[in-house]
Amino acid sequence: MEQENLFRKIQDILGDFKGNLNILEEQIDLNIQVEYYEASKAIKDKVDADQILARKDSLFSSDTSLDEKKILLNSLASIDKTEAFRILEQYHQAPEPELKEWATLAFQESKLLMESSILEENQIVISTGMGGKGHKLRYFIVLLANESSTIDDLQLKIIETELAFLSKKCEAELEEINHSDRFVTIKILISMEVNLYDLFEELVDNCNQFGDFLQQNFIITNVKALTFEEIEHFLETSHLPGESDSEL
């Protein structure tokens, strides 16, 4: 099935949007992101800037509950004032471990709000579970060995060589590659303008010129990096091999 690149899809959704697209670099659990943005939306029209700023010391107090601090972080992130941004910046540098991701989201929201105000230009953040860098998103890919094959050192070298070639061509950044005898996992930064399916179909085809050892199926996700145990479970419980659809 033909796939459009992600950047084109985003442009279609935004229409005539004039402004900057920003990718959240940090890797933050999607469930926390959903909880954060729902909480932020709930308090948007209820924030009294003066009252919230007057309570800033509560954010750094051990007597303040984590739930109260979440509300404070959401509230501060919605205030278009330098003081609110600096408070979030300070807290973001040394948050409670339980609120690290929440503090990152609040700091990012405040930063975009300040930039929109200063630059008089709309800002949109694109956030995935695995984060990204610049205009590149981070993806986790699993290449699967054919039933009659296993991934040995030579085959891994073939994959690494072909992946390096394709990565250079599309300016992708390979961060990590690992393997078992049944699959190879890849963590990589790829521009939103790149068609992922075409890229990895080409990779599989190129590698298979040296022995037809990879399935045409592959797994792509930007939600989280899968553990070997999760991949093994997927292989044991899914329809693979046999279908031709890639997973996203």
Protein backbone atom coordinates (compact mmCIF):
# COMPACT_ATOMS: atom_id res chain seq x y z
CA MET A 1 0.00 0.00 0.00
CA GLU A 2 1.37 3.43 -0.97
CA GLN A 3 2.22 5.58 2.06
CA GLU A 4 2.55 9.38 2.08
CA ASN A 5 5.38 10.87 4.09
CA LEU A 6 4.45 12.11 7.54
CA PHE A 7 5.43 15.71 6.83
CA ARG A 8 2.98 15.86 3.92
CA LYS A 9 0.21 14.43 6.09
CA ILE A 10 0.86 17.02 8.79
CA GLN A 11 0.81 19.80 6.20
CA ASP A 12 -2.54 18.54 4.92
CA ILE A 13 -3.97 18.52 8.45
CA LEU A 14 -2.70 22.01 9.26
CA GLY A 15 -3.79 23.49 5.94
CA ASP A 16 -2.50 27.04 5.58
CA PHE A 17 -0.83 27.06 8.99
CA LYS A 18 1.94 29.66 9.18
CA GLY A 19 4.41 28.99 11.94
CA ASN A 20 7.00 26.59 13.25
CA LEU A 21 6.77 22.83 13.80
CA ASN A 22 8.74 21.61 16.81
CA ILE A 23 9.51 18.03 17.77
CA LEU A 24 9.65 17.14 21.45
CA GLU A 25 13.10 15.63 21.85
CA GLU A 26 12.56 13.77 25.12
CA GLN A 27 11.20 10.24 25.21
CA ILE A 28 8.01 10.47 27.29
CA ASP A 29 5.43 7.75 27.85
CA LEU A 30 2.35 8.45 25.73
CA ASN A 31 -0.01 7.72 28.62
CA ILE A 32 1.65 10.48 30.63
CA GLN A 33 1.41 12.83 27.65
CA VAL A 34 -2.32 12.17 27.31
CA GLU A 35 -2.86 12.66 31.06
CA TYR A 36 -0.84 15.88 31.00
CA TYR A 37 -2.67 17.46 28.07
CA GLU A 38 -6.08 16.47 29.40
CA ALA A 39 -5.21 18.06 32.76
CA SER A 40 -3.87 21.14 30.99
CA LYS A 41 -7.04 21.51 28.96
CA ALA A 42 -9.20 21.18 32.07
CA ILE A 43 -7.60 24.14 33.88
CA LYS A 44 -6.92 26.45 30.92
CA ASP A 45 -9.78 28.89 31.53
CA LYS A 46 -9.54 28.71 35.32
CA VAL A 47 -5.99 29.95 35.87
CA ASP A 48 -5.52 33.17 37.85
CA ALA A 49 -1.94 34.17 36.96
CA ASP A 50 -1.35 36.29 40.07
CA GLN A 51 -2.60 33.59 42.43
CA ILE A 52 -0.54 30.88 40.77
CA LEU A 53 2.65 32.97 40.73
CA ALA A 54 2.09 33.80 44.41
CA ARG A 55 2.17 30.05 45.13
CA LYS A 56 5.43 29.41 43.26
CA ASP A 57 7.30 28.39 46.41
CA SER A 58 4.85 25.50 46.85
CA LEU A 59 6.33 23.87 43.77
CA PHE A 60 9.66 23.47 45.56
CA SER A 61 8.22 22.48 48.94
CA SER A 62 8.28 18.90 50.20
CA ASP A 63 4.96 19.63 51.94
CA THR A 64 3.16 19.98 48.61
CA SER A 65 1.66 16.76 47.27
CA LEU A 66 2.60 15.45 43.83
CA ASP A 67 -0.97 15.95 42.61
CA GLU A 68 -0.89 19.59 43.72
CA LYS A 69 2.42 20.06 41.97
CA LYS A 70 0.98 18.63 38.77
CA ILE A 71 -1.77 21.26 38.86
CA LEU A 72 0.78 23.99 39.55
CA LEU A 73 2.94 22.85 36.64
CA ASN A 74 -0.03 22.84 34.27
CA SER A 75 -1.13 26.24 35.53
CA LEU A 76 2.31 27.84 35.23
CA ALA A 77 2.70 26.46 31.71
CA SER A 78 -0.45 28.32 30.63
CA ILE A 79 0.75 31.72 31.89
CA ASP A 80 2.32 33.94 29.22
CA LYS A 81 4.83 35.59 31.54
CA THR A 82 8.61 35.32 31.80
CA GLU A 83 8.34 34.72 35.55
CA ALA A 84 6.23 31.59 34.99
CA PHE A 85 8.71 30.31 32.41
CA ARG A 86 11.68 30.85 34.74
CA ILE A 87 9.93 29.01 37.58
CA LEU A 88 9.30 26.04 35.32
CA GLU A 89 12.85 26.22 34.00
CA GLN A 90 14.22 26.06 37.55
CA TYR A 91 11.96 23.17 38.56
CA HIS A 92 12.68 21.29 35.33
CA GLN A 93 16.36 21.19 36.25
CA ALA A 94 15.74 19.18 39.43
CA PRO A 95 12.20 17.80 39.67
CA GLU A 96 10.97 14.97 41.85
CA PRO A 97 11.66 11.74 39.95
CA GLU A 98 7.92 10.98 39.81
CA LEU A 99 7.28 14.31 38.04
CA LYS A 100 10.25 14.41 35.69
CA GLU A 101 8.22 13.77 32.53
CA TRP A 102 5.36 16.01 33.68
CA ALA A 103 7.84 18.83 34.35
CA THR A 104 9.38 18.37 30.91
CA LEU A 105 5.99 18.71 29.24
CA ALA A 106 5.15 21.82 31.27
CA PHE A 107 8.52 23.40 30.50
CA GLN A 108 8.11 22.64 26.79
CA GLU A 109 4.57 24.07 26.73
CA SER A 110 5.73 27.24 28.49
CA LYS A 111 8.69 27.61 26.13
CA LEU A 112 6.46 27.35 23.07
CA LEU A 113 4.02 29.86 24.58
CA MET A 114 6.85 32.34 25.16
CA GLU A 115 8.25 31.83 21.67
CA SER A 116 4.83 32.35 20.11
CA SER A 117 4.44 35.60 22.04
CA ILE A 118 7.94 36.94 21.36
CA LEU A 119 8.13 35.93 17.71
CA GLU A 120 4.44 36.63 17.06
CA GLU A 121 4.38 33.30 15.27
CA ASN A 122 2.37 30.18 16.07
CA GLN A 123 4.26 27.18 17.40
CA ILE A 124 3.14 23.55 17.16
CA VAL A 125 4.86 20.69 18.95
CA ILE A 126 4.88 17.15 17.56
CA SER A 127 5.24 14.66 20.36
CA THR A 128 5.71 10.89 20.20
CA GLY A 129 6.62 8.33 22.82
CA MET A 130 10.18 8.11 21.52
CA GLY A 131 10.83 11.79 20.88
CA GLY A 132 13.09 13.14 18.17
CA LYS A 133 15.57 15.82 17.18
CA GLY A 134 15.23 18.79 14.86
CA HIS A 135 12.74 17.73 12.19
CA LYS A 136 13.51 14.06 12.71
CA LEU A 137 11.43 11.57 14.67
CA ARG A 138 12.92 8.62 16.51
CA TYR A 139 11.68 5.19 15.40
CA PHE A 140 12.14 1.63 16.57
CA ILE A 141 12.24 -0.93 13.78
CA VAL A 142 12.34 -4.71 13.92
CA LEU A 143 13.54 -6.68 10.90
CA LEU A 144 12.49 -10.32 11.00
CA ALA A 145 14.44 -13.36 9.85
CA ASN A 146 12.75 -15.81 7.50
CA GLU A 147 11.58 -19.02 9.16
CA SER A 148 14.39 -20.96 7.51
CA SER A 149 17.07 -18.41 8.45
CA THR A 150 18.79 -17.02 11.51
CA ILE A 151 20.64 -13.73 11.87
CA ASP A 152 24.35 -14.50 12.05
CA ASP A 153 27.32 -12.11 12.14
CA LEU A 154 27.60 -11.98 8.34
CA GLN A 155 23.93 -11.16 7.86
CA LEU A 156 24.09 -8.53 10.57
CA LYS A 157 27.03 -6.93 8.76
CA ILE A 158 25.02 -6.91 5.51
CA ILE A 159 22.14 -5.15 7.27
CA GLU A 160 24.48 -2.62 8.88
CA THR A 161 26.16 -1.86 5.55
CA GLU A 162 22.91 -1.45 3.61
CA LEU A 163 21.36 0.58 6.43
CA ALA A 164 24.37 2.92 6.51
CA PHE A 165 24.04 3.46 2.76
CA LEU A 166 20.31 4.26 2.92
CA SER A 167 20.71 6.39 6.06
CA LYS A 168 23.29 8.56 4.33
CA LYS A 169 21.01 8.96 1.32
CA CYS A 170 18.10 10.27 3.41
CA GLU A 171 20.22 11.89 6.17
CA ALA A 172 18.90 9.55 8.85
CA GLU A 173 20.85 9.07 12.08
CA LEU A 174 21.35 5.51 13.28
CA GLU A 175 21.49 5.43 17.08
CA GLU A 176 21.47 1.74 17.96
CA ILE A 177 21.29 -1.70 16.38
CA ASN A 178 20.94 -5.04 18.18
CA HIS A 179 19.99 -8.56 17.19
CA SER A 180 19.00 -12.05 18.20
CA ASP A 181 18.98 -15.04 15.90
CA ARG A 182 15.35 -14.25 14.91
CA PHE A 183 15.36 -10.47 14.42
CA VAL A 184 17.32 -7.22 14.28
CA THR A 185 16.24 -4.10 16.18
CA ILE A 186 17.09 -0.60 14.99
CA LYS A 187 16.71 2.75 16.75
CA ILE A 188 17.03 5.58 14.28
CA LEU A 189 16.17 9.26 13.69
CA ILE A 190 14.45 9.87 10.36
CA SER A 191 13.08 13.05 8.78
CA MET A 192 9.30 13.38 8.68
CA GLU A 193 9.63 13.87 4.92
CA VAL A 194 10.93 10.33 4.39
CA ASN A 195 8.50 7.57 3.42
CA LEU A 196 9.29 4.96 6.08
CA TYR A 197 7.73 2.01 4.33
CA ASP A 198 9.56 2.65 1.09
CA LEU A 199 12.83 3.07 2.98
CA PHE A 200 12.64 -0.21 4.88
CA GLU A 201 11.18 -2.17 2.00
CA GLU A 202 14.23 -1.05 0.03
CA LEU A 203 16.48 -2.08 2.92
CA VAL A 204 14.94 -5.56 3.08
CA ASP A 205 15.13 -5.97 -0.69
CA ASN A 206 18.78 -4.89 -0.77
CA CYS A 207 19.72 -7.25 2.05
CA ASN A 208 17.86 -10.15 0.48
CA GLN A 209 20.05 -9.93 -2.60
CA PHE A 210 22.63 -11.63 -0.37
CA GLY A 211 20.62 -14.68 0.62
CA ASP A 212 16.91 -13.91 1.01
CA PHE A 213 17.17 -14.11 4.81
CA LEU A 214 14.69 -11.36 5.84
CA GLN A 215 10.90 -11.39 5.82
CA GLN A 216 9.08 -8.70 3.84
CA ASN A 217 7.26 -7.93 7.11
CA PHE A 218 8.81 -5.52 9.55
CA ILE A 219 7.69 -3.64 12.65
CA ILE A 220 7.87 0.16 12.89
CA THR A 221 6.85 2.14 15.96
CA ASN A 222 7.56 5.54 17.49
CA VAL A 223 5.62 4.78 20.67
CA LYS A 224 8.33 2.89 22.59
CA ALA A 225 11.40 0.74 22.15
CA LEU A 226 10.37 -2.88 22.48
CA THR A 227 12.27 -5.34 24.64
CA PHE A 228 13.45 -8.64 23.20
CA GLU A 229 10.85 -10.36 25.38
CA GLU A 230 8.05 -8.19 23.93
CA ILE A 231 9.19 -8.93 20.39
CA GLU A 232 9.38 -12.66 21.08
CA HIS A 233 5.86 -12.55 22.53
CA PHE A 234 4.65 -10.68 19.45
CA LEU A 235 6.19 -13.26 17.14
CA GLU A 236 4.64 -16.11 19.10
CA THR A 237 1.14 -14.61 19.17
CA SER A 238 0.88 -12.77 15.83
CA HIS A 239 0.06 -13.98 12.34
CA LEU A 240 3.67 -13.57 11.23
CA PRO A 241 5.12 -14.96 9.08
CA GLY A 242 2.74 -15.11 6.16
CA GLU A 243 1.06 -11.72 5.85
CA SER A 244 2.54 -8.91 3.84
CA ASP A 245 1.46 -5.96 5.97
CA SER A 246 4.02 -4.05 8.00
CA GLU A 247 3.16 -3.07 11.54
CA LEU A 248 3.11 0.53 12.80
